């Protein structure tokens, strides 16, 4: 761990960051679990639960934007914090980390695309049913 990376110790229920916060670091789960969720008009929508070895928070630092979701520790959790300023160096000095990160991002994109197709199919069935009912 470099001088800029640090470990964070969180208690169950503690937020790492909240939707809308400035994103200046990403995190790797060393121990414990983190739930990623967003607010919606229907309440909380859980996007995923992450465990040991998994990372999150990269979207805000790669895009230099605000957090798009809230991250909450589900139990006592230890995280490694990677500041945005150090991400390029980490990927250059640990190419396996960069490759793993790319594979995971592609996997997440595939899951999102698959979910979107499923939601569109459901919507198509609903619309077709409404057309049949309403004539």
C-alpha atoms as a PDB file:
ATOM      1  CA  UNK A   1       0.000   0.000   0.000  1.00  0.00           C
ATOM      2  CA  UNK A   2       1.455   3.367  -0.981  1.00  0.00           C
ATOM      3  CA  UNK A   3       1.603   6.410   1.246  1.00  0.00           C
ATOM      4  CA  UNK A   4      -1.526   7.874  -0.368  1.00  0.00           C
ATOM      5  CA  UNK A   5      -3.633   4.712  -0.083  1.00  0.00           C
ATOM      6  CA  UNK A   6      -5.163   4.145   3.312  1.00  0.00           C
ATOM      7  CA  UNK A   7      -7.384   1.643   5.026  1.00  0.00           C
ATOM      8  CA  UNK A   8     -10.815   2.664   6.241  1.00  0.00           C
ATOM      9  CA  UNK A   9     -12.586   0.822   9.038  1.00  0.00           C
ATOM     10  CA  UNK A  10     -16.378   1.092   8.894  1.00  0.00           C
ATOM     11  CA  UNK A  11     -19.079  -0.103  11.251  1.00  0.00           C
ATOM     12  CA  UNK A  12     -22.224  -1.824   9.972  1.00  0.00           C
ATOM     13  CA  UNK A  13     -24.632   0.759   8.551  1.00  0.00           C
ATOM     14  CA  UNK A  14     -21.967   3.408   8.007  1.00  0.00           C
ATOM     15  CA  UNK A  15     -21.876   5.087   4.582  1.00  0.00           C
ATOM     16  CA  UNK A  16     -18.646   5.196   2.609  1.00  0.00           C
ATOM     17  CA  UNK A  17     -20.148   7.935   0.429  1.00  0.00           C
ATOM     18  CA  UNK A  18     -23.575   9.149  -0.618  1.00  0.00           C
ATOM     19  CA  UNK A  19     -25.192   9.717  -3.987  1.00  0.00           C
ATOM     20  CA  UNK A  20     -24.286  13.231  -5.141  1.00  0.00           C
ATOM     21  CA  UNK A  21     -21.021  13.450  -3.151  1.00  0.00           C
ATOM     22  CA  UNK A  22     -17.863  14.536  -4.950  1.00  0.00           C
ATOM     23  CA  UNK A  23     -15.951  11.462  -6.078  1.00  0.00           C
ATOM     24  CA  UNK A  24     -12.250  11.653  -5.291  1.00  0.00           C
ATOM     25  CA  UNK A  25     -11.410   8.018  -4.428  1.00  0.00           C
ATOM     26  CA  UNK A  26     -12.325   4.466  -5.284  1.00  0.00           C
ATOM     27  CA  UNK A  27     -12.358   1.576  -2.825  1.00  0.00           C
ATOM     28  CA  UNK A  28     -11.415  -2.088  -2.658  1.00  0.00           C
ATOM     29  CA  UNK A  29     -13.141  -4.290  -0.069  1.00  0.00           C
ATOM     30  CA  UNK A  30     -10.460  -5.926   2.101  1.00  0.00           C
ATOM     31  CA  UNK A  31     -12.933  -7.500   4.505  1.00  0.00           C
ATOM     32  CA  UNK A  32     -16.703  -7.303   4.942  1.00  0.00           C
ATOM     33  CA  UNK A  33     -19.506  -6.306   2.574  1.00  0.00           C
ATOM     34  CA  UNK A  34     -20.703  -3.083   0.978  1.00  0.00           C
ATOM     35  CA  UNK A  35     -24.117  -2.471  -0.533  1.00  0.00           C
ATOM     36  CA  UNK A  36     -24.392  -0.064  -3.463  1.00  0.00           C
ATOM     37  CA  UNK A  37     -27.825   1.546  -3.721  1.00  0.00           C
ATOM     38  CA  UNK A  38     -29.640   4.521  -5.223  1.00  0.00           C
ATOM     39  CA  UNK A  39     -32.620   6.526  -4.185  1.00  0.00           C
ATOM     40  CA  UNK A  40     -35.712   6.488  -6.386  1.00  0.00           C
ATOM     41  CA  UNK A  41     -39.305   7.637  -6.222  1.00  0.00           C
ATOM     42  CA  UNK A  42     -40.104   4.151  -4.848  1.00  0.00           C
ATOM     43  CA  UNK A  43     -37.422   4.251  -2.148  1.00  0.00           C
ATOM     44  CA  UNK A  44     -34.054   2.521  -2.083  1.00  0.00           C
ATOM     45  CA  UNK A  45     -32.982   0.464  -5.093  1.00  0.00           C
ATOM     46  CA  UNK A  46     -30.148  -1.981  -4.351  1.00  0.00           C
ATOM     47  CA  UNK A  47     -27.781  -2.189  -7.314  1.00  0.00           C
ATOM     48  CA  UNK A  48     -25.334  -4.753  -5.922  1.00  0.00           C
ATOM     49  CA  UNK A  49     -23.597  -6.127  -2.858  1.00  0.00           C
ATOM     50  CA  UNK A  50     -19.811  -6.367  -2.977  1.00  0.00           C
ATOM     51  CA  UNK A  51     -17.428  -8.478  -0.923  1.00  0.00           C
ATOM     52  CA  UNK A  52     -13.760  -9.159  -0.389  1.00  0.00           C
ATOM     53  CA  UNK A  53     -11.543  -8.238  -3.355  1.00  0.00           C
ATOM     54  CA  UNK A  54     -14.253  -6.314  -5.193  1.00  0.00           C
ATOM     55  CA  UNK A  55     -14.022  -2.593  -5.940  1.00  0.00           C
ATOM     56  CA  UNK A  56     -16.407   0.329  -6.280  1.00  0.00           C
ATOM     57  CA  UNK A  57     -16.451   4.093  -6.630  1.00  0.00           C
ATOM     58  CA  UNK A  58     -14.420   4.059  -9.834  1.00  0.00           C
ATOM     59  CA  UNK A  59     -17.101   5.670 -12.019  1.00  0.00           C
ATOM     60  CA  UNK A  60     -16.915   9.052 -10.284  1.00  0.00           C
ATOM     61  CA  UNK A  61     -13.129   9.285 -10.441  1.00  0.00           C
ATOM     62  CA  UNK A  62     -12.803   8.017 -14.023  1.00  0.00           C
ATOM     63  CA  UNK A  63     -15.521  10.426 -15.215  1.00  0.00           C
ATOM     64  CA  UNK A  64     -14.597  13.201 -12.749  1.00  0.00           C
ATOM     65  CA  UNK A  65     -18.205  13.498 -11.646  1.00  0.00           C
ATOM     66  CA  UNK A  66     -20.379  13.166  -8.555  1.00  0.00           C
ATOM     67  CA  UNK A  67     -21.303   9.824  -7.002  1.00  0.00           C
ATOM     68  CA  UNK A  68     -24.194   8.123  -8.769  1.00  0.00           C
ATOM     69  CA  UNK A  69     -25.067   5.887  -5.819  1.00  0.00           C
ATOM     70  CA  UNK A  70     -24.601   5.444  -2.072  1.00  0.00           C
ATOM     71  CA  UNK A  71     -22.223   2.837  -0.625  1.00  0.00           C
ATOM     72  CA  UNK A  72     -23.048   1.428   2.822  1.00  0.00           C
ATOM     73  CA  UNK A  73     -21.155  -1.112   4.921  1.00  0.00           C
ATOM     74  CA  UNK A  74     -23.432  -4.076   5.699  1.00  0.00           C
ATOM     75  CA  UNK A  75     -21.206  -5.304   8.523  1.00  0.00           C
ATOM     76  CA  UNK A  76     -17.919  -4.192  10.064  1.00  0.00           C
ATOM     77  CA  UNK A  77     -15.871  -3.626   6.919  1.00  0.00           C
ATOM     78  CA  UNK A  78     -12.293  -2.757   5.991  1.00  0.00           C
ATOM     79  CA  UNK A  79     -11.650  -0.910   2.736  1.00  0.00           C
ATOM     80  CA  UNK A  80      -8.544   0.175   0.898  1.00  0.00           C
ATOM     81  CA  UNK A  81      -9.057   3.716  -0.378  1.00  0.00           C
ATOM     82  CA  UNK A  82      -7.389   4.586  -3.705  1.00  0.00           C
ATOM     83  CA  UNK A  83      -7.329   8.340  -4.395  1.00  0.00           C
ATOM     84  CA  UNK A  84      -8.109   9.430  -7.957  1.00  0.00           C
ATOM     85  CA  UNK A  85      -4.615  10.916  -8.227  1.00  0.00           C
ATOM     86  CA  UNK A  86      -3.121   7.467  -7.649  1.00  0.00           C
ATOM     87  CA  UNK A  87      -5.287   5.296  -9.910  1.00  0.00           C
ATOM     88  CA  UNK A  88      -3.112   5.691 -13.027  1.00  0.00           C
ATOM     89  CA  UNK A  89       0.030   4.850 -11.063  1.00  0.00           C
ATOM     90  CA  UNK A  90      -1.624   1.808  -9.495  1.00  0.00           C
ATOM     91  CA  UNK A  91      -2.717   0.494 -12.895  1.00  0.00           C
ATOM     92  CA  UNK A  92       0.767   1.127 -14.352  1.00  0.00           C
ATOM     93  CA  UNK A  93       2.640  -0.566 -11.503  1.00  0.00           C
ATOM     94  CA  UNK A  94       0.126  -3.400 -11.057  1.00  0.00           C
ATOM     95  CA  UNK A  95      -1.058  -4.334 -14.559  1.00  0.00           C
ATOM     96  CA  UNK A  96      -2.993  -7.290 -13.113  1.00  0.00           C
ATOM     97  CA  UNK A  97      -5.126  -4.784 -11.155  1.00  0.00           C
ATOM     98  CA  UNK A  98      -5.805  -2.770 -14.323  1.00  0.00           C
ATOM     99  CA  UNK A  99      -6.695  -5.895 -16.304  1.00  0.00           C
ATOM    100  CA  UNK A 100      -8.965  -7.149 -13.508  1.00  0.00           C
ATOM    101  CA  UNK A 101     -10.629  -3.759 -13.322  1.00  0.00           C
ATOM    102  CA  UNK A 102     -11.311  -3.766 -17.071  1.00  0.00           C
ATOM    103  CA  UNK A 103     -12.712  -7.312 -16.939  1.00  0.00           C
ATOM    104  CA  UNK A 104     -15.000  -6.368 -14.056  1.00  0.00           C
ATOM    105  CA  UNK A 105     -16.217  -3.212 -15.801  1.00  0.00           C
ATOM    106  CA  UNK A 106     -16.992  -5.203 -18.959  1.00  0.00           C
ATOM    107  CA  UNK A 107     -18.842  -7.763 -16.833  1.00  0.00           C
ATOM    108  CA  UNK A 108     -20.888  -5.003 -15.182  1.00  0.00           C
ATOM    109  CA  UNK A 109     -21.708  -3.533 -18.598  1.00  0.00           C
ATOM    110  CA  UNK A 110     -22.827  -6.960 -19.824  1.00  0.00           C
ATOM    111  CA  UNK A 111     -25.046  -7.433 -16.739  1.00  0.00           C
ATOM    112  CA  UNK A 112     -26.579  -3.981 -17.220  1.00  0.00           C
ATOM    113  CA  UNK A 113     -27.252  -4.664 -20.910  1.00  0.00           C
ATOM    114  CA  UNK A 114     -28.798  -8.024 -20.079  1.00  0.00           C
ATOM    115  CA  UNK A 115     -30.981  -6.412 -17.411  1.00  0.00           C
ATOM    116  CA  UNK A 116     -32.044  -3.682 -19.835  1.00  0.00           C
ATOM    117  CA  UNK A 117     -33.080  -6.260 -22.444  1.00  0.00           C
ATOM    118  CA  UNK A 118     -35.113  -8.102 -19.807  1.00  0.00           C
ATOM    119  CA  UNK A 119     -36.832  -4.890 -18.711  1.00  0.00           C
ATOM    120  CA  UNK A 120     -37.622  -3.984 -22.332  1.00  0.00           C
ATOM    121  CA  UNK A 121     -39.097  -7.436 -22.887  1.00  0.00           C
ATOM    122  CA  UNK A 122     -41.293  -7.031 -19.783  1.00  0.00           C
ATOM    123  CA  UNK A 123     -42.386  -3.605 -20.975  1.00  0.00           C
ATOM    124  CA  UNK A 124     -43.187  -5.031 -24.418  1.00  0.00           C
ATOM    125  CA  UNK A 125     -45.380  -7.716 -22.856  1.00  0.00           C
ATOM    126  CA  UNK A 126     -47.165  -5.123 -20.720  1.00  0.00           C
ATOM    127  CA  UNK A 127     -47.753  -2.833 -23.700  1.00  0.00           C
ATOM    128  CA  UNK A 128     -48.954  -5.709 -25.884  1.00  0.00           C
ATOM    129  CA  UNK A 129     -51.303  -6.855 -23.111  1.00  0.00           C
ATOM    130  CA  UNK A 130     -52.696  -3.328 -22.726  1.00  0.00           C
ATOM    131  CA  UNK A 131     -53.311  -3.137 -26.492  1.00  0.00           C
ATOM    132  CA  UNK A 132     -55.203  -6.425 -26.393  1.00  0.00           C
ATOM    133  CA  UNK A 133     -57.275  -5.363 -23.374  1.00  0.00           C
ATOM    134  CA  UNK A 134     -57.974  -1.847 -24.633  1.00  0.00           C
ATOM    135  CA  UNK A 135     -58.503  -2.969 -28.237  1.00  0.00           C
END
